Amino acid sequence: METEAKRPCALIVMGVSGAGKSTIGEALAARLGWRYQDGDAFHPESNVAKMRAGHPLTDEDRWPWLHAIADEIDQVCKSGSHVIIACSALRRAYRDVLLGGRNDVRLVFLDGTEPLIGDRLNHRTGHFMPPGLLASQFATLERPDTAEHAVRVSIDAPVETIVDDILNQLGLGRPEANTSSRNRT
């Protein structure tokens, strides 16, 4: 159980495109009263244009983006605030930049199958990431290991159930309130 002293200052909600990072991140932020920030907002326009054209990013494309997110996390943590950031963070090396060796930043891995996520992407509109890049995302994905102290949740559930699971695993919030709200439906 996380105590207030050990409460993370930042949660990084990670996974492939279409896993629900924004949806879950926003729901977590609303539940905890924390600020939500989409990691996509830190991409330079050249990265967005590249993905929109159907080209996967290279590591050289990603490093400035990841460092910009890490800088935001540093500012939030130093200010005593809390933030939830949605970021694919597909490789361990990327997560190492984001976590920066800090114990007050935790990963939340949204885990789902390629067919489920592919179906979601095929029904999503208005996003720069085309469904055709999903296979490259799964090829790049290095699932977090135990050393990263990530919370892993299946995305094959309603949003509120996923949020309850995350909060329970992190020891944040009141689990009895989370389960009682779910039982009312």
N, C-alpha and C. Protein backbone atom coordinates (compact mmCIF):
# COMPACT_ATOMS: atom_id res chain seq x y z
N MET A 1 0.84 -1.18 0.00
CA MET A 1 0.00 0.00 0.00
C MET A 1 0.88 1.24 0.00
N GLU A 2 0.63 2.16 -0.93
CA GLU A 2 1.38 3.41 -0.99
C GLU A 2 0.89 4.33 0.13
N THR A 3 1.82 4.92 0.85
CA THR A 3 1.45 5.92 1.83
C THR A 3 1.58 7.28 1.18
N GLU A 4 1.07 8.31 1.84
CA GLU A 4 1.17 9.65 1.28
C GLU A 4 2.62 10.02 1.02
N ALA A 5 3.53 9.63 1.93
CA ALA A 5 4.94 9.94 1.76
C ALA A 5 5.53 9.24 0.54
N LYS A 6 4.98 8.08 0.19
CA LYS A 6 5.49 7.32 -0.95
C LYS A 6 4.62 7.49 -2.19
N ARG A 7 3.63 8.34 -2.12
CA ARG A 7 2.75 8.57 -3.26
C ARG A 7 3.58 9.11 -4.42
N PRO A 8 3.45 8.49 -5.59
CA PRO A 8 4.24 8.98 -6.72
C PRO A 8 3.82 10.39 -7.12
N CYS A 9 4.76 11.15 -7.65
CA CYS A 9 4.40 12.47 -8.15
C CYS A 9 3.93 12.37 -9.60
N ALA A 10 4.28 11.25 -10.26
CA ALA A 10 3.88 11.09 -11.65
C ALA A 10 3.59 9.63 -11.95
N LEU A 11 2.58 9.43 -12.77
CA LEU A 11 2.27 8.12 -13.34
C LEU A 11 2.42 8.25 -14.85
N ILE A 12 3.14 7.31 -15.43
CA ILE A 12 3.27 7.26 -16.88
C ILE A 12 2.40 6.11 -17.36
N VAL A 13 1.33 6.44 -18.07
CA VAL A 13 0.43 5.44 -18.61
C VAL A 13 0.97 5.08 -19.99
N MET A 14 1.44 3.84 -20.13
CA MET A 14 2.17 3.44 -21.33
C MET A 14 1.51 2.28 -22.05
N GLY A 15 1.86 2.14 -23.33
CA GLY A 15 1.38 1.04 -24.15
C GLY A 15 1.38 1.47 -25.61
N VAL A 16 1.03 0.54 -26.47
CA VAL A 16 1.01 0.84 -27.90
C VAL A 16 -0.12 1.81 -28.23
N SER A 17 -0.04 2.40 -29.40
CA SER A 17 -1.09 3.30 -29.87
C SER A 17 -2.41 2.54 -29.92
N GLY A 18 -3.45 3.15 -29.37
CA GLY A 18 -4.77 2.53 -29.37
C GLY A 18 -5.07 1.71 -28.12
N ALA A 19 -4.11 1.61 -27.20
CA ALA A 19 -4.33 0.84 -25.96
C ALA A 19 -5.26 1.56 -24.99
N GLY A 20 -5.46 2.86 -25.19
CA GLY A 20 -6.34 3.62 -24.31
C GLY A 20 -5.60 4.52 -23.34
N LYS A 21 -4.37 4.90 -23.66
CA LYS A 21 -3.56 5.71 -22.75
C LYS A 21 -4.26 7.02 -22.38
N SER A 22 -4.79 7.72 -23.37
CA SER A 22 -5.44 9.00 -23.09
C SER A 22 -6.72 8.81 -22.27
N THR A 23 -7.53 7.85 -22.67
CA THR A 23 -8.79 7.60 -21.97
C THR A 23 -8.53 7.21 -20.51
N ILE A 24 -7.63 6.26 -20.30
CA ILE A 24 -7.33 5.81 -18.94
C ILE A 24 -6.60 6.90 -18.16
N GLY A 25 -5.66 7.59 -18.81
CA GLY A 25 -4.94 8.67 -18.14
C GLY A 25 -5.87 9.76 -17.66
N GLU A 26 -6.80 10.16 -18.51
CA GLU A 26 -7.77 11.21 -18.13
C GLU A 26 -8.67 10.72 -16.99
N ALA A 27 -9.10 9.46 -17.05
CA ALA A 27 -9.96 8.92 -15.99
C ALA A 27 -9.20 8.82 -14.67
N LEU A 28 -7.94 8.41 -14.72
CA LEU A 28 -7.13 8.36 -13.50
C LEU A 28 -6.95 9.76 -12.92
N ALA A 29 -6.65 10.72 -13.79
CA ALA A 29 -6.46 12.10 -13.33
C ALA A 29 -7.72 12.65 -12.67
N ALA A 30 -8.86 12.36 -13.27
CA ALA A 30 -10.13 12.82 -12.70
C ALA A 30 -10.36 12.18 -11.33
N ARG A 31 -10.09 10.90 -11.22
CA ARG A 31 -10.31 10.18 -9.97
C ARG A 31 -9.38 10.67 -8.87
N LEU A 32 -8.11 10.93 -9.23
CA LEU A 32 -7.12 11.34 -8.22
C LEU A 32 -7.06 12.85 -8.00
N GLY A 33 -7.65 13.63 -8.91
CA GLY A 33 -7.54 15.08 -8.82
C GLY A 33 -6.16 15.57 -9.25
N TRP A 34 -5.50 14.80 -10.10
CA TRP A 34 -4.18 15.17 -10.62
C TRP A 34 -4.33 15.78 -12.01
N ARG A 35 -3.28 16.43 -12.47
CA ARG A 35 -3.26 16.98 -13.82
C ARG A 35 -2.96 15.87 -14.81
N TYR A 36 -3.59 15.92 -15.98
CA TYR A 36 -3.33 14.97 -17.06
C TYR A 36 -2.60 15.69 -18.18
N GLN A 37 -1.62 15.03 -18.75
CA GLN A 37 -0.89 15.58 -19.90
C GLN A 37 -0.67 14.47 -20.92
N ASP A 38 -1.04 14.70 -22.15
CA ASP A 38 -0.81 13.72 -23.21
C ASP A 38 0.62 13.89 -23.72
N GLY A 39 1.38 12.82 -23.70
CA GLY A 39 2.76 12.85 -24.16
C GLY A 39 2.89 13.27 -25.61
N ASP A 40 1.85 13.04 -26.41
CA ASP A 40 1.89 13.44 -27.81
C ASP A 40 2.10 14.94 -27.96
N ALA A 41 1.68 15.72 -26.98
CA ALA A 41 1.83 17.18 -27.04
C ALA A 41 3.30 17.60 -27.02
N PHE A 42 4.18 16.71 -26.61
CA PHE A 42 5.60 17.02 -26.54
C PHE A 42 6.35 16.67 -27.82
N HIS A 43 5.67 16.02 -28.78
CA HIS A 43 6.30 15.68 -30.06
C HIS A 43 6.57 16.95 -30.86
N PRO A 44 7.75 17.05 -31.47
CA PRO A 44 7.94 18.15 -32.42
C PRO A 44 7.08 17.88 -33.66
N GLU A 45 6.73 18.92 -34.37
CA GLU A 45 5.87 18.79 -35.55
C GLU A 45 6.45 17.81 -36.57
N SER A 46 7.78 17.74 -36.65
CA SER A 46 8.39 16.80 -37.61
C SER A 46 8.04 15.35 -37.28
N ASN A 47 7.96 15.01 -36.00
CA ASN A 47 7.56 13.65 -35.62
C ASN A 47 6.11 13.38 -36.00
N VAL A 48 5.24 14.34 -35.72
CA VAL A 48 3.82 14.18 -36.04
C VAL A 48 3.65 14.00 -37.54
N ALA A 49 4.33 14.82 -38.33
CA ALA A 49 4.23 14.73 -39.78
C ALA A 49 4.73 13.37 -40.27
N LYS A 50 5.79 12.89 -39.68
CA LYS A 50 6.35 11.59 -40.07
C LYS A 50 5.35 10.46 -39.80
N MET A 51 4.75 10.47 -38.60
CA MET A 51 3.77 9.43 -38.26
C MET A 51 2.52 9.56 -39.11
N ARG A 52 2.07 10.79 -39.31
CA ARG A 52 0.87 11.01 -40.13
C ARG A 52 1.07 10.45 -41.54
N ALA A 53 2.31 10.51 -42.03
CA ALA A 53 2.63 9.98 -43.36
C ALA A 53 2.81 8.47 -43.36
N GLY A 54 2.66 7.85 -42.17
CA GLY A 54 2.75 6.39 -42.09
C GLY A 54 4.14 5.84 -41.86
N HIS A 55 5.07 6.71 -41.43
CA HIS A 55 6.44 6.28 -41.18
C HIS A 55 6.71 6.16 -39.68
N PRO A 56 7.22 5.02 -39.22
CA PRO A 56 7.54 4.90 -37.79
C PRO A 56 8.69 5.83 -37.41
N LEU A 57 8.69 6.25 -36.16
CA LEU A 57 9.76 7.10 -35.66
C LEU A 57 11.01 6.26 -35.41
N THR A 58 12.15 6.91 -35.54
CA THR A 58 13.43 6.29 -35.18
C THR A 58 13.78 6.72 -33.76
N ASP A 59 14.77 6.08 -33.19
CA ASP A 59 15.22 6.50 -31.86
C ASP A 59 15.69 7.96 -31.88
N GLU A 60 16.33 8.37 -32.96
CA GLU A 60 16.79 9.76 -33.06
C GLU A 60 15.62 10.73 -33.02
N ASP A 61 14.47 10.29 -33.57
CA ASP A 61 13.26 11.12 -33.51
C ASP A 61 12.73 11.17 -32.08
N ARG A 62 12.85 10.08 -31.36
CA ARG A 62 12.21 9.95 -30.04
C ARG A 62 12.98 10.62 -28.90
N TRP A 63 14.31 10.66 -28.95
CA TRP A 63 15.07 11.16 -27.79
C TRP A 63 14.66 12.56 -27.36
N PRO A 64 14.58 13.56 -28.27
CA PRO A 64 14.16 14.90 -27.82
C PRO A 64 12.77 14.91 -27.20
N TRP A 65 11.87 14.11 -27.77
CA TRP A 65 10.51 14.00 -27.26
C TRP A 65 10.52 13.43 -25.84
N LEU A 66 11.25 12.34 -25.64
CA LEU A 66 11.31 11.71 -24.31
C LEU A 66 11.95 12.63 -23.28
N HIS A 67 13.00 13.35 -23.68
CA HIS A 67 13.65 14.27 -22.74
C HIS A 67 12.73 15.44 -22.38
N ALA A 68 11.90 15.88 -23.32
CA ALA A 68 10.94 16.95 -23.02
C ALA A 68 9.91 16.47 -22.00
N ILE A 69 9.46 15.23 -22.13
CA ILE A 69 8.52 14.67 -21.15
C ILE A 69 9.20 14.52 -19.80
N ALA A 70 10.44 14.04 -19.79
CA ALA A 70 11.18 13.88 -18.53
C ALA A 70 11.37 15.23 -17.84
N ASP A 71 11.64 16.28 -18.61
CA ASP A 71 11.78 17.62 -18.04
C ASP A 71 10.47 18.08 -17.39
N GLU A 72 9.35 17.77 -18.04
CA GLU A 72 8.04 18.11 -17.46
C GLU A 72 7.82 17.36 -16.15
N ILE A 73 8.15 16.08 -16.12
CA ILE A 73 8.02 15.29 -14.89
C ILE A 73 8.88 15.89 -13.79
N ASP A 74 10.12 16.27 -14.12
CA ASP A 74 11.01 16.89 -13.13
C ASP A 74 10.38 18.16 -12.55
N GLN A 75 9.82 19.01 -13.41
CA GLN A 75 9.21 20.25 -12.94
C GLN A 75 8.03 19.98 -12.03
N VAL A 76 7.19 19.02 -12.41
CA VAL A 76 6.02 18.69 -11.60
C VAL A 76 6.45 18.15 -10.24
N CYS A 77 7.38 17.23 -10.24
CA CYS A 77 7.82 16.61 -8.99
C CYS A 77 8.48 17.63 -8.06
N LYS A 78 9.30 18.52 -8.63
CA LYS A 78 9.96 19.55 -7.82
C LYS A 78 8.95 20.53 -7.23
N SER A 79 7.83 20.73 -7.92
CA SER A 79 6.82 21.68 -7.44
C SER A 79 5.91 21.07 -6.37
N GLY A 80 6.03 19.75 -6.16
CA GLY A 80 5.16 19.09 -5.19
C GLY A 80 3.79 18.73 -5.75
N SER A 81 3.64 18.85 -7.04
CA SER A 81 2.38 18.52 -7.69
C SER A 81 2.38 17.06 -8.15
N HIS A 82 1.32 16.70 -8.85
CA HIS A 82 1.17 15.35 -9.39
C HIS A 82 0.69 15.44 -10.83
N VAL A 83 1.14 14.49 -11.64
CA VAL A 83 0.74 14.48 -13.05
C VAL A 83 0.62 13.04 -13.53
N ILE A 84 -0.27 12.86 -14.46
CA ILE A 84 -0.39 11.59 -15.19
C ILE A 84 -0.08 11.92 -16.63
N ILE A 85 0.88 11.20 -17.19
CA ILE A 85 1.29 11.45 -18.57
C ILE A 85 1.08 10.18 -19.38
N ALA A 86 0.37 10.32 -20.48
CA ALA A 86 0.19 9.22 -21.42
C ALA A 86 1.35 9.25 -22.41
N CYS A 87 2.07 8.13 -22.49
CA CYS A 87 3.24 8.07 -23.36
C CYS A 87 3.47 6.61 -23.74
N SER A 88 3.71 6.35 -25.00
CA SER A 88 3.88 4.96 -25.44
C SER A 88 5.00 4.26 -24.68
N ALA A 89 6.16 4.88 -24.52
CA ALA A 89 7.28 4.34 -23.72
C ALA A 89 7.51 2.85 -24.03
N LEU A 90 7.61 2.53 -25.30
CA LEU A 90 7.61 1.13 -25.71
C LEU A 90 8.87 0.35 -25.34
N ARG A 91 10.00 1.01 -25.26
CA ARG A 91 11.26 0.31 -24.96
C ARG A 91 11.77 0.68 -23.58
N ARG A 92 12.52 -0.24 -23.01
CA ARG A 92 13.11 -0.01 -21.68
C ARG A 92 13.98 1.24 -21.69
N ALA A 93 14.77 1.43 -22.74
CA ALA A 93 15.65 2.61 -22.82
C ALA A 93 14.83 3.90 -22.78
N TYR A 94 13.65 3.90 -23.39
CA TYR A 94 12.79 5.08 -23.37
C TYR A 94 12.27 5.31 -21.95
N ARG A 95 11.87 4.22 -21.31
CA ARG A 95 11.34 4.34 -19.94
C ARG A 95 12.43 4.77 -18.97
N ASP A 96 13.67 4.35 -19.22
CA ASP A 96 14.77 4.78 -18.38
C ASP A 96 14.92 6.31 -18.41
N VAL A 97 14.72 6.92 -19.57
CA VAL A 97 14.77 8.38 -19.67
C VAL A 97 13.63 8.99 -18.86
N LEU A 98 12.42 8.43 -19.00
CA LEU A 98 11.25 8.99 -18.32
C LEU A 98 11.30 8.80 -16.81
N LEU A 99 11.74 7.63 -16.38
CA LEU A 99 11.80 7.35 -14.95
C LEU A 99 13.00 8.04 -14.30
N GLY A 100 14.07 8.16 -15.04
CA GLY A 100 15.25 8.89 -14.55
C GLY A 100 15.77 8.40 -13.22
N GLY A 101 15.56 7.14 -12.88
CA GLY A 101 16.05 6.62 -11.61
C GLY A 101 15.24 7.09 -10.41
N ARG A 102 14.12 7.77 -10.64
CA ARG A 102 13.31 8.29 -9.54
C ARG A 102 12.36 7.21 -9.03
N ASN A 103 12.20 7.13 -7.72
CA ASN A 103 11.25 6.20 -7.11
C ASN A 103 9.85 6.78 -7.03
N ASP A 104 9.71 8.07 -7.33
CA ASP A 104 8.41 8.72 -7.21
C ASP A 104 7.68 8.84 -8.55
N VAL A 105 8.13 8.07 -9.55
CA VAL A 105 7.46 7.99 -10.84
C VAL A 105 7.17 6.53 -11.10
N ARG A 106 5.92 6.22 -11.41
CA ARG A 106 5.52 4.83 -11.64
C ARG A 106 4.96 4.65 -13.04
N LEU A 107 5.14 3.44 -13.55
CA LEU A 107 4.61 3.05 -14.85
C LEU A 107 3.29 2.31 -14.69
N VAL A 108 2.37 2.58 -15.60
CA VAL A 108 1.12 1.83 -15.70
C VAL A 108 1.08 1.29 -17.13
N PHE A 109 1.24 -0.02 -17.27
CA PHE A 109 1.28 -0.65 -18.59
C PHE A 109 -0.10 -1.15 -18.98
N LEU A 110 -0.65 -0.57 -20.05
CA LEU A 110 -1.94 -1.00 -20.59
C LEU A 110 -1.68 -2.11 -21.60
N ASP A 111 -2.04 -3.31 -21.21
CA ASP A 111 -1.72 -4.51 -21.99
C ASP A 111 -2.94 -5.03 -22.72
N GLY A 112 -2.81 -5.21 -24.01
CA GLY A 112 -3.90 -5.74 -24.82
C GLY A 112 -3.38 -6.47 -26.03
N THR A 113 -4.25 -7.21 -26.67
CA THR A 113 -3.86 -7.99 -27.84
C THR A 113 -3.86 -7.11 -29.10
N GLU A 114 -3.09 -7.53 -30.07
CA GLU A 114 -3.04 -6.78 -31.33
C GLU A 114 -4.39 -6.74 -32.03
N PRO A 115 -5.18 -7.86 -32.07
CA PRO A 115 -6.50 -7.77 -32.71
C PRO A 115 -7.44 -6.78 -32.00
N LEU A 116 -7.46 -6.77 -30.68
CA LEU A 116 -8.33 -5.84 -29.94
C LEU A 116 -7.93 -4.40 -30.23
N ILE A 117 -6.64 -4.11 -30.15
CA ILE A 117 -6.18 -2.74 -30.36
C ILE A 117 -6.34 -2.33 -31.82
N GLY A 118 -6.09 -3.27 -32.73
CA GLY A 118 -6.29 -2.98 -34.15
C GLY A 118 -7.72 -2.58 -34.44
N ASP A 119 -8.67 -3.27 -33.82
CA ASP A 119 -10.08 -2.93 -34.00
C ASP A 119 -10.36 -1.52 -33.47
N ARG A 120 -9.79 -1.18 -32.33
CA ARG A 120 -9.99 0.16 -31.79
C ARG A 120 -9.43 1.22 -32.73
N LEU A 121 -8.22 0.96 -33.25
CA LEU A 121 -7.59 1.94 -34.16
C LEU A 121 -8.41 2.11 -35.44
N ASN A 122 -8.99 1.03 -35.92
CA ASN A 122 -9.79 1.12 -37.14
C ASN A 122 -11.06 1.94 -36.95
N HIS A 123 -11.49 2.12 -35.71
CA HIS A 123 -12.68 2.91 -35.42
C HIS A 123 -12.37 4.30 -34.86
N ARG A 124 -11.08 4.60 -34.69
CA ARG A 124 -10.69 5.90 -34.13
C ARG A 124 -10.55 6.92 -35.25
N THR A 125 -11.01 8.12 -34.99
CA THR A 125 -10.88 9.20 -35.97
C THR A 125 -10.14 10.37 -35.34
N GLY A 126 -9.52 11.17 -36.19
CA GLY A 126 -8.90 12.40 -35.74
C GLY A 126 -7.55 12.24 -35.05
N HIS A 127 -6.90 11.10 -35.18
CA HIS A 127 -5.60 10.91 -34.56
C HIS A 127 -4.57 10.75 -35.66
N PHE A 128 -3.36 11.29 -35.42
CA PHE A 128 -2.33 11.26 -36.45
C PHE A 128 -1.70 9.89 -36.66
N MET A 129 -1.87 8.96 -35.73
CA MET A 129 -1.24 7.65 -35.83
C MET A 129 -2.12 6.71 -36.65
N PRO A 130 -1.68 6.33 -37.86
CA PRO A 130 -2.51 5.44 -38.68
C PRO A 130 -2.47 4.00 -38.18
N PRO A 131 -3.57 3.26 -38.35
CA PRO A 131 -3.63 1.86 -37.91
C PRO A 131 -2.52 0.99 -38.50
N GLY A 132 -2.02 1.37 -39.68
CA GLY A 132 -0.99 0.59 -40.33
C GLY A 132 0.33 0.52 -39.57
N LEU A 133 0.52 1.41 -38.59
CA LEU A 133 1.76 1.39 -37.81
C LEU A 133 1.66 0.53 -36.55
N LEU A 134 0.49 -0.08 -36.32
CA LEU A 134 0.33 -0.88 -35.09
C LEU A 134 1.32 -2.03 -35.03
N ALA A 135 1.53 -2.72 -36.14
CA ALA A 135 2.48 -3.85 -36.13
C ALA A 135 3.87 -3.40 -35.73
N SER A 136 4.28 -2.21 -36.18
CA SER A 136 5.61 -1.71 -35.80
C SER A 136 5.65 -1.37 -34.31
N GLN A 137 4.53 -0.94 -33.76
CA GLN A 137 4.47 -0.65 -32.32
C GLN A 137 4.65 -1.94 -31.52
N PHE A 138 3.95 -2.99 -31.91
CA PHE A 138 4.10 -4.26 -31.21
C PHE A 138 5.50 -4.84 -31.39
N ALA A 139 6.10 -4.63 -32.56
CA ALA A 139 7.46 -5.11 -32.80
C ALA A 139 8.46 -4.38 -31.91
N THR A 140 8.19 -3.12 -31.62
CA THR A 140 9.08 -2.30 -30.80
C THR A 140 8.86 -2.55 -29.31
N LEU A 141 7.64 -2.93 -28.92
CA LEU A 141 7.27 -3.06 -27.50
C LEU A 141 8.16 -4.04 -26.74
N GLU A 142 8.75 -3.54 -25.67
CA GLU A 142 9.44 -4.37 -24.68
C GLU A 142 8.61 -4.24 -23.41
N ARG A 143 7.92 -5.31 -23.07
CA ARG A 143 7.04 -5.26 -21.91
C ARG A 143 7.87 -4.96 -20.65
N PRO A 144 7.35 -4.12 -19.76
CA PRO A 144 8.11 -3.81 -18.54
C PRO A 144 8.40 -5.07 -17.73
N ASP A 145 9.58 -5.11 -17.14
CA ASP A 145 9.93 -6.25 -16.29
C ASP A 145 9.77 -5.87 -14.82
N THR A 146 9.99 -6.83 -13.95
CA THR A 146 9.76 -6.60 -12.52
C THR A 146 10.65 -5.49 -11.95
N ALA A 147 11.83 -5.30 -12.51
CA ALA A 147 12.72 -4.26 -12.00
C ALA A 147 12.15 -2.85 -12.21
N GLU A 148 11.21 -2.71 -13.13
CA GLU A 148 10.63 -1.40 -13.40
C GLU A 148 9.44 -1.09 -12.51
N HIS A 149 9.01 -2.04 -11.70
CA HIS A 149 7.89 -1.84 -10.76
C HIS A 149 6.65 -1.27 -11.45
N ALA A 150 6.37 -1.79 -12.64
CA ALA A 150 5.21 -1.32 -13.39
C ALA A 150 3.95 -2.03 -12.91
N VAL A 151 2.86 -1.31 -13.00
CA VAL A 151 1.55 -1.87 -12.78
C VAL A 151 1.07 -2.32 -14.16
N ARG A 152 0.63 -3.56 -14.29
CA ARG A 152 0.13 -4.09 -15.56
C ARG A 152 -1.36 -4.33 -15.44
N VAL A 153 -2.12 -3.78 -16.40
CA VAL A 153 -3.56 -4.01 -16.42
C VAL A 153 -4.00 -4.40 -17.82
N SER A 154 -4.96 -5.30 -17.86
CA SER A 154 -5.56 -5.70 -19.13
C SER A 154 -6.53 -4.61 -19.56
N ILE A 155 -6.53 -4.30 -20.84
CA ILE A 155 -7.43 -3.26 -21.35
C ILE A 155 -8.76 -3.83 -21.82
N ASP A 156 -8.95 -5.12 -21.61
CA ASP A 156 -10.19 -5.78 -22.03
C ASP A 156 -11.23 -5.72 -20.91
N ALA A 157 -11.54 -4.48 -20.49
CA ALA A 157 -12.50 -4.24 -19.41
C ALA A 157 -13.01 -2.81 -19.56
N PRO A 158 -14.12 -2.47 -18.91
CA PRO A 158 -14.59 -1.08 -18.92
C PRO A 158 -13.58 -0.14 -18.26
N VAL A 159 -13.60 1.11 -18.66
CA VAL A 159 -12.65 2.12 -18.17
C VAL A 159 -12.64 2.16 -16.64
N GLU A 160 -13.80 2.23 -16.01
CA GLU A 160 -13.84 2.33 -14.54
C GLU A 160 -13.20 1.12 -13.87
N THR A 161 -13.37 -0.05 -14.45
CA THR A 161 -12.77 -1.27 -13.90
C THR A 161 -11.26 -1.21 -14.02
N ILE A 162 -10.77 -0.73 -15.16
CA ILE A 162 -9.33 -0.59 -15.36
C ILE A 162 -8.76 0.40 -14.37
N VAL A 163 -9.41 1.54 -14.19
CA VAL A 163 -8.95 2.55 -13.24
C VAL A 163 -8.95 1.99 -11.82
N ASP A 164 -10.01 1.28 -11.44
CA ASP A 164 -10.06 0.65 -10.12
C ASP A 164 -8.87 -0.29 -9.93
N ASP A 165 -8.58 -1.10 -10.94
CA ASP A 165 -7.47 -2.05 -10.86
C ASP A 165 -6.15 -1.32 -10.66
N ILE A 166 -5.92 -0.26 -11.42
CA ILE A 166 -4.68 0.52 -11.29
C ILE A 166 -4.55 1.10 -9.89
N LEU A 167 -5.61 1.75 -9.43
CA LEU A 167 -5.57 2.37 -8.10
C LEU A 167 -5.35 1.34 -7.01
N ASN A 168 -5.99 0.19 -7.13
CA ASN A 168 -5.80 -0.87 -6.14
C ASN A 168 -4.38 -1.39 -6.15
N GLN A 169 -3.81 -1.60 -7.34
CA GLN A 169 -2.44 -2.09 -7.42
C GLN A 169 -1.43 -1.09 -6.87
N LEU A 170 -1.70 0.19 -7.06
CA LEU A 170 -0.80 1.23 -6.56
C LEU A 170 -1.07 1.58 -5.10
N GLY A 171 -2.21 1.16 -4.59
CA GLY A 171 -2.57 1.52 -3.22
C GLY A 171 -2.99 2.97 -3.10
N LEU A 172 -3.49 3.54 -4.18
CA LEU A 172 -3.95 4.93 -4.19
C LEU A 172 -5.47 4.97 -4.10
N GLY A 173 -5.97 5.96 -3.43
CA GLY A 173 -7.42 6.07 -3.32
C GLY A 173 -7.95 5.09 -2.29
N ARG A 174 -9.26 4.96 -2.27
CA ARG A 174 -9.92 4.05 -1.35
C ARG A 174 -10.51 2.90 -2.15
N PRO A 175 -9.92 1.72 -2.10
CA PRO A 175 -10.44 0.60 -2.88
C PRO A 175 -11.91 0.30 -2.62
N GLU A 176 -12.36 0.45 -1.36
CA GLU A 176 -13.76 0.15 -1.08
C GLU A 176 -14.69 1.11 -1.81
N ALA A 177 -14.29 2.38 -1.97
CA ALA A 177 -15.10 3.34 -2.72
C ALA A 177 -15.08 2.98 -4.21
N ASN A 178 -13.92 2.56 -4.69
CA ASN A 178 -13.80 2.20 -6.10
C ASN A 178 -14.68 1.02 -6.44
N THR A 179 -14.70 -0.01 -5.59
CA THR A 179 -15.49 -1.21 -5.91
C THR A 179 -16.98 -0.93 -5.68
N SER A 180 -17.32 -0.10 -4.70
CA SER A 180 -18.74 0.15 -4.48
C SER A 180 -19.34 0.95 -5.62
N SER A 181 -18.55 1.86 -6.24
CA SER A 181 -19.10 2.59 -7.38
C SER A 181 -19.29 1.67 -8.56
N ARG A 182 -18.43 0.68 -8.71
CA ARG A 182 -18.57 -0.28 -9.81
C ARG A 182 -19.77 -1.17 -9.59
N ASN A 183 -20.07 -1.51 -8.33
CA ASN A 183 -21.18 -2.42 -8.04
C ASN A 183 -22.54 -1.75 -8.20
N ARG A 184 -22.58 -0.44 -8.30
CA ARG A 184 -23.84 0.27 -8.46
C ARG A 184 -24.39 0.16 -9.87
N THR A 185 -23.59 -0.23 -10.83
CA THR A 185 -24.07 -0.27 -12.22
C THR A 185 -24.69 -1.59 -12.56
